[in-house]
C-alpha atoms as a PDB file:
ATOM      1  CA  GLU A   1       0.000   0.000   0.000  1.00  0.00           C
ATOM      2  CA  TRP A   2       2.914   2.320   0.694  1.00  0.00           C
ATOM      3  CA  ALA A   3       3.995   1.948  -2.934  1.00  0.00           C
ATOM      4  CA  ALA A   4       0.679   3.270  -4.268  1.00  0.00           C
ATOM      5  CA  SER A   5       1.969   6.824  -3.972  1.00  0.00           C
ATOM      6  CA  TRP A   6       5.183   6.140  -5.926  1.00  0.00           C
ATOM      7  CA  LYS A   7       5.844   7.911  -9.206  1.00  0.00           C
ATOM      8  CA  GLU A   8       5.896   5.710 -12.313  1.00  0.00           C
ATOM      9  CA  VAL A   9       9.686   6.161 -12.687  1.00  0.00           C
ATOM     10  CA  THR A  10      10.203   4.859  -9.152  1.00  0.00           C
ATOM     11  CA  VAL A  11       7.934   1.889  -9.836  1.00  0.00           C
ATOM     12  CA  ARG A  12       9.884   1.026 -12.993  1.00  0.00           C
ATOM     13  CA  ASP A  13      13.179   1.216 -11.100  1.00  0.00           C
ATOM     14  CA  PHE A  14      11.787  -0.919  -8.281  1.00  0.00           C
ATOM     15  CA  GLY A  15      10.398  -3.394 -10.828  1.00  0.00           C
ATOM     16  CA  ALA A  16      13.779  -3.614 -12.574  1.00  0.00           C
ATOM     17  CA  LYS A  17      15.466  -4.411  -9.268  1.00  0.00           C
ATOM     18  CA  LEU A  18      12.856  -7.061  -8.418  1.00  0.00           C
ATOM     19  CA  ASP A  19      13.195  -8.503 -11.917  1.00  0.00           C
ATOM     20  CA  SER A  20      16.966  -8.859 -11.636  1.00  0.00           C
ATOM     21  CA  PHE A  21      16.673 -12.234  -9.897  1.00  0.00           C
ATOM     22  CA  GLN A  22      14.369 -15.246  -9.800  1.00  0.00           C
ATOM     23  CA  TRP A  23      12.221 -15.116  -6.676  1.00  0.00           C
ATOM     24  CA  VAL A  24       8.587 -15.569  -7.748  1.00  0.00           C
ATOM     25  CA  PRO A  25       7.298 -19.136  -7.176  1.00  0.00           C
ATOM     26  CA  THR A  26       5.239 -20.450 -10.069  1.00  0.00           C
ATOM     27  CA  GLU A  27       2.721 -23.224 -10.701  1.00  0.00           C
ATOM     28  CA  ASP A  28       5.416 -25.508 -12.164  1.00  0.00           C
ATOM     29  CA  GLY A  29       7.377 -25.334  -8.886  1.00  0.00           C
ATOM     30  CA  SER A  30      10.210 -23.169 -10.171  1.00  0.00           C
ATOM     31  CA  LEU A  31      11.298 -19.649  -9.270  1.00  0.00           C
ATOM     32  CA  ARG A  32      11.164 -17.022 -12.017  1.00  0.00           C
ATOM     33  CA  THR A  33      11.602 -13.295 -12.507  1.00  0.00           C
ATOM     34  CA  ILE A  34       8.518 -11.086 -12.447  1.00  0.00           C
ATOM     35  CA  ALA A  35       8.740 -10.525 -16.210  1.00  0.00           C
ATOM     36  CA  GLN A  36       8.628 -14.289 -16.820  1.00  0.00           C
ATOM     37  CA  CYS A  37       5.477 -14.780 -14.726  1.00  0.00           C
ATOM     38  CA  PHE A  38       1.778 -14.421 -15.412  1.00  0.00           C
ATOM     39  CA  ASP A  39      -0.929 -12.955 -13.232  1.00  0.00           C
ATOM     40  CA  PRO A  40      -3.053 -15.972 -12.210  1.00  0.00           C
ATOM     41  CA  ALA A  41      -6.299 -13.990 -12.253  1.00  0.00           C
ATOM     42  CA  GLN A  42      -5.772 -12.083 -15.498  1.00  0.00           C
ATOM     43  CA  SER A  43      -3.969 -14.379 -17.925  1.00  0.00           C
ATOM     44  CA  PRO A  44      -5.298 -16.726 -20.626  1.00  0.00           C
ATOM     45  CA  ASP A  45      -6.123 -20.300 -19.566  1.00  0.00           C
ATOM     46  CA  ALA A  46      -5.573 -22.036 -22.891  1.00  0.00           C
ATOM     47  CA  PHE A  47      -1.782 -22.150 -22.919  1.00  0.00           C
ATOM     48  CA  SER A  48       0.543 -24.512 -21.062  1.00  0.00           C
ATOM     49  CA  VAL A  49       3.298 -21.880 -20.953  1.00  0.00           C
ATOM     50  CA  VAL A  50       0.931 -19.559 -19.089  1.00  0.00           C
ATOM     51  CA  LYS A  51      -0.302 -22.256 -16.723  1.00  0.00           C
ATOM     52  CA  SER A  52       3.205 -23.317 -15.740  1.00  0.00           C
ATOM     53  CA  ARG A  53       4.441 -19.742 -15.233  1.00  0.00           C
ATOM     54  CA  ARG A  54       1.563 -18.345 -13.233  1.00  0.00           C
ATOM     55  CA  ALA A  55       2.781 -16.676 -10.073  1.00  0.00           C
ATOM     56  CA  LYS A  56       1.876 -18.716  -7.019  1.00  0.00           C
ATOM     57  CA  LEU A  57       1.931 -16.280  -4.124  1.00  0.00           C
ATOM     58  CA  ASP A  58      -1.464 -16.529  -2.423  1.00  0.00           C
ATOM     59  CA  GLN A  59      -0.323 -18.846   0.366  1.00  0.00           C
ATOM     60  CA  ILE A  60       2.774 -16.760   1.104  1.00  0.00           C
ATOM     61  CA  MET A  61       0.756 -13.540   1.184  1.00  0.00           C
ATOM     62  CA  SER A  62      -1.799 -15.137   3.488  1.00  0.00           C
ATOM     63  CA  GLU A  63       0.841 -16.530   5.850  1.00  0.00           C
ATOM     64  CA  GLN A  64       2.575 -13.141   6.010  1.00  0.00           C
ATOM     65  CA  GLY A  65      -0.678 -11.232   6.504  1.00  0.00           C
ATOM     66  CA  LEU A  66      -0.134  -9.132   3.378  1.00  0.00           C
ATOM     67  CA  ASN A  67      -2.834  -7.250   1.513  1.00  0.00           C
ATOM     68  CA  ALA A  68      -3.058  -9.528  -1.535  1.00  0.00           C
ATOM     69  CA  GLN A  69      -4.813  -6.947  -3.704  1.00  0.00           C
ATOM     70  CA  ALA A  70      -2.039  -4.405  -3.069  1.00  0.00           C
ATOM     71  CA  VAL A  71       0.703  -6.962  -3.755  1.00  0.00           C
ATOM     72  CA  TRP A  72      -0.882  -8.100  -7.041  1.00  0.00           C
ATOM     73  CA  ARG A  73      -1.390  -4.478  -8.110  1.00  0.00           C
ATOM     74  CA  MET A  74       2.277  -3.697  -7.437  1.00  0.00           C
ATOM     75  CA  LEU A  75       3.500  -6.841  -9.201  1.00  0.00           C
ATOM     76  CA  ASN A  76       1.394  -5.918 -12.230  1.00  0.00           C
ATOM     77  CA  ARG A  77       2.924  -2.438 -12.230  1.00  0.00           C
ATOM     78  CA  CYS A  78       6.378  -4.047 -12.040  1.00  0.00           C
ATOM     79  CA  GLY A  79       5.895  -6.249 -15.114  1.00  0.00           C
ATOM     80  CA  LEU A  80       3.816  -9.316 -14.235  1.00  0.00           C
ATOM     81  CA  LYS A  81       2.288 -10.497 -17.525  1.00  0.00           C
ATOM     82  CA  LYS A  82      -1.409 -10.674 -18.387  1.00  0.00           C
ATOM     83  CA  GLN A  83      -0.996 -11.762 -22.016  1.00  0.00           C
ATOM     84  CA  ILE A  84       1.473 -13.973 -23.848  1.00  0.00           C
ATOM     85  CA  THR A  85       4.400 -12.377 -25.664  1.00  0.00           C
ATOM     86  CA  TRP A  86       5.760 -13.476 -29.029  1.00  0.00           C
ATOM     87  CA  GLN A  87       8.472 -15.413 -27.200  1.00  0.00           C
ATOM     88  CA  ASP A  88       5.806 -17.200 -25.142  1.00  0.00           C
ATOM     89  CA  ALA A  89       3.850 -17.968 -28.330  1.00  0.00           C
ATOM     90  CA  VAL A  90       6.945 -19.512 -29.920  1.00  0.00           C
ATOM     91  CA  GLU A  91       7.477 -21.721 -26.856  1.00  0.00           C
ATOM     92  CA  GLU A  92       3.797 -22.680 -26.809  1.00  0.00           C
ATOM     93  CA  ALA A  93       3.931 -23.543 -30.526  1.00  0.00           C
ATOM     94  CA  ALA A  94       6.949 -25.787 -29.935  1.00  0.00           C
ATOM     95  CA  VAL A  95       5.092 -27.584 -27.130  1.00  0.00           C
ATOM     96  CA  ALA A  96       1.993 -27.959 -29.310  1.00  0.00           C
ATOM     97  CA  MET A  97       4.057 -29.301 -32.202  1.00  0.00           C
ATOM     98  CA  SER A  98       5.875 -31.848 -30.044  1.00  0.00           C
ATOM     99  CA  ALA A  99       2.546 -33.023 -28.642  1.00  0.00           C
ATOM    100  CA  THR A 100       0.946 -32.839 -32.098  1.00  0.00           C
ATOM    101  CA  ASP A 101      -1.862 -30.829 -30.525  1.00  0.00           C
ATOM    102  CA  VAL A 102      -3.445 -29.142 -33.531  1.00  0.00           C
ATOM    103  CA  GLU A 103      -6.192 -27.466 -31.494  1.00  0.00           C
ATOM    104  CA  ARG A 104      -3.696 -25.824 -29.167  1.00  0.00           C
ATOM    105  CA  ALA A 105      -1.654 -24.658 -32.152  1.00  0.00           C
ATOM    106  CA  LYS A 106      -4.791 -23.167 -33.700  1.00  0.00           C
ATOM    107  CA  SER A 107      -5.543 -21.275 -30.473  1.00  0.00           C
ATOM    108  CA  LEU A 108      -2.270 -19.371 -30.898  1.00  0.00           C
ATOM    109  CA  LEU A 109      -3.636 -17.848 -34.084  1.00  0.00           C
ATOM    110  CA  ALA A 110      -6.999 -16.868 -32.617  1.00  0.00           C
END
């Protein structure tokens, strides 16, 4: 909540510092940078890349007594993804091709 009053430049600097190392737990059990992760409430469900890289912070926030809404808002301001990037689409296409999942491949073009 204290970060809500920050100027956008300060938020970008803070986000860059947070994104300089892998600390965000994700659905696939790994730690990733903020920029590699997806917002679990605001990202597309159809893609395995998204599902595996969704940030998994609810339990930690609850245990620490943090305001989850404020934390998610700040993480979004710092670069948490809501949509797939071209790089994500390329990875998803490779997964779909290796699994010969034509429907999933088609969903990338929708």
